[in-house]
Amino acid sequence: MRYEKIMFREFSAYVKIKKDWYAVIDDISFSLEEGEFAVIAGESGYGKTILLKSAMGFIKNFSGEVLINGKDIYQTDVSKNLYT
């Protein structure tokens, strides 16, 4: 599978600390097309790893959408196509 476009639409991600949930990423939207690059920068605990893990389908504590080639990665088994 070729990844021509990845899109985060109204994306928020949450972590649970003790009994409470906190948004580490709050309502972002952006897309990257094949050949484009982005830099994800920030201090420790600001959601960089959560953003990348969400793009790979490993994080499910979020709201909004993560789309690859227009398909919701949580409704498609993208993981089995990662290396083909």
Protein backbone atom coordinates (compact mmCIF):
# COMPACT_ATOMS: atom_id res chain seq x y z
CA MET A 1 0.00 0.00 0.00
CA ARG A 2 1.30 3.45 -0.90
CA TYR A 3 0.66 6.26 1.51
CA GLU A 4 -0.12 9.26 -0.66
CA LYS A 5 -1.79 11.36 2.02
CA ILE A 6 -2.19 11.29 5.79
CA MET A 7 -4.70 13.58 7.47
CA PHE A 8 -5.53 14.37 11.07
CA ARG A 9 -8.98 15.95 11.24
CA GLU A 10 -10.18 17.65 14.46
CA PHE A 11 -7.82 15.32 16.33
CA SER A 12 -7.49 15.31 20.12
CA ALA A 13 -5.61 12.70 22.15
CA TYR A 14 -5.98 11.93 25.82
CA VAL A 15 -3.93 10.36 28.61
CA LYS A 16 -5.19 9.11 31.93
CA ILE A 17 -3.34 10.31 35.01
CA LYS A 18 -4.64 8.66 38.15
CA LYS A 19 -8.43 8.96 37.78
CA ASP A 20 -8.64 11.86 35.33
CA TRP A 21 -8.27 12.16 31.55
CA TYR A 22 -6.25 15.05 30.07
CA ALA A 23 -5.97 16.24 26.47
CA VAL A 24 -2.31 16.22 25.41
CA ILE A 25 -3.27 17.18 21.86
CA ASP A 26 -6.34 19.39 21.50
CA ASP A 27 -8.27 19.75 18.23
CA ILE A 28 -5.58 19.85 15.53
CA SER A 29 -6.13 19.39 11.81
CA PHE A 30 -3.43 19.00 9.17
CA SER A 31 -2.47 16.82 6.26
CA LEU A 32 0.72 15.70 4.56
CA GLU A 33 0.93 14.49 1.01
CA GLU A 34 3.52 12.18 -0.48
CA GLY A 35 6.88 13.96 -0.67
CA GLU A 36 6.00 16.55 2.00
CA PHE A 37 7.85 16.73 5.31
CA ALA A 38 6.88 18.07 8.70
CA VAL A 39 8.74 18.70 11.92
CA ILE A 40 7.08 17.76 15.18
CA ALA A 41 8.74 19.65 18.02
CA GLY A 42 7.92 20.27 21.64
CA GLU A 43 8.92 19.63 25.18
CA SER A 44 8.66 16.27 26.89
CA GLY A 45 5.04 15.30 27.51
CA TYR A 46 3.55 17.51 24.80
CA GLY A 47 2.15 14.67 22.64
CA LYS A 48 4.76 14.09 19.89
CA THR A 49 4.91 10.33 20.41
CA ILE A 50 1.15 10.05 20.85
CA LEU A 51 0.65 11.83 17.53
CA LEU A 52 2.97 9.41 15.71
CA LYS A 53 1.56 6.33 17.43
CA SER A 54 -1.94 7.48 16.49
CA ALA A 55 -0.87 7.69 12.85
CA MET A 56 0.27 4.05 13.08
CA GLY A 57 -2.97 2.90 14.72
CA PHE A 58 -1.50 2.15 18.15
CA ILE A 59 -3.37 4.79 20.19
CA LYS A 60 -7.13 4.68 20.56
CA ASN A 61 -7.77 7.29 23.28
CA PHE A 62 -8.63 10.09 20.90
CA SER A 63 -11.40 11.95 19.17
CA GLY A 64 -11.47 13.10 15.57
CA GLU A 65 -10.13 11.19 12.59
CA VAL A 66 -6.83 9.83 11.33
CA LEU A 67 -7.06 9.13 7.60
CA ILE A 68 -4.56 7.53 5.23
CA ASN A 69 -5.43 7.87 1.56
CA GLY A 70 -8.90 8.99 2.70
CA LYS A 71 -9.56 5.85 4.78
CA ASP A 72 -10.03 5.89 8.54
CA ILE A 73 -7.13 3.83 9.91
CA TYR A 74 -9.24 2.51 12.75
CA GLN A 75 -11.77 1.03 10.34
CA THR A 76 -9.14 -0.42 7.97
CA ASP A 77 -6.37 -2.87 8.80
CA VAL A 78 -3.59 -0.52 7.75
CA SER A 79 -1.03 -2.21 10.02
CA LYS A 80 -0.75 -5.31 7.85
CA ASN A 81 0.16 -3.08 4.91
CA LEU A 82 2.84 -0.99 6.63
CA TYR A 83 5.80 -2.64 4.93
CA THR A 84 4.42 -3.54 1.50
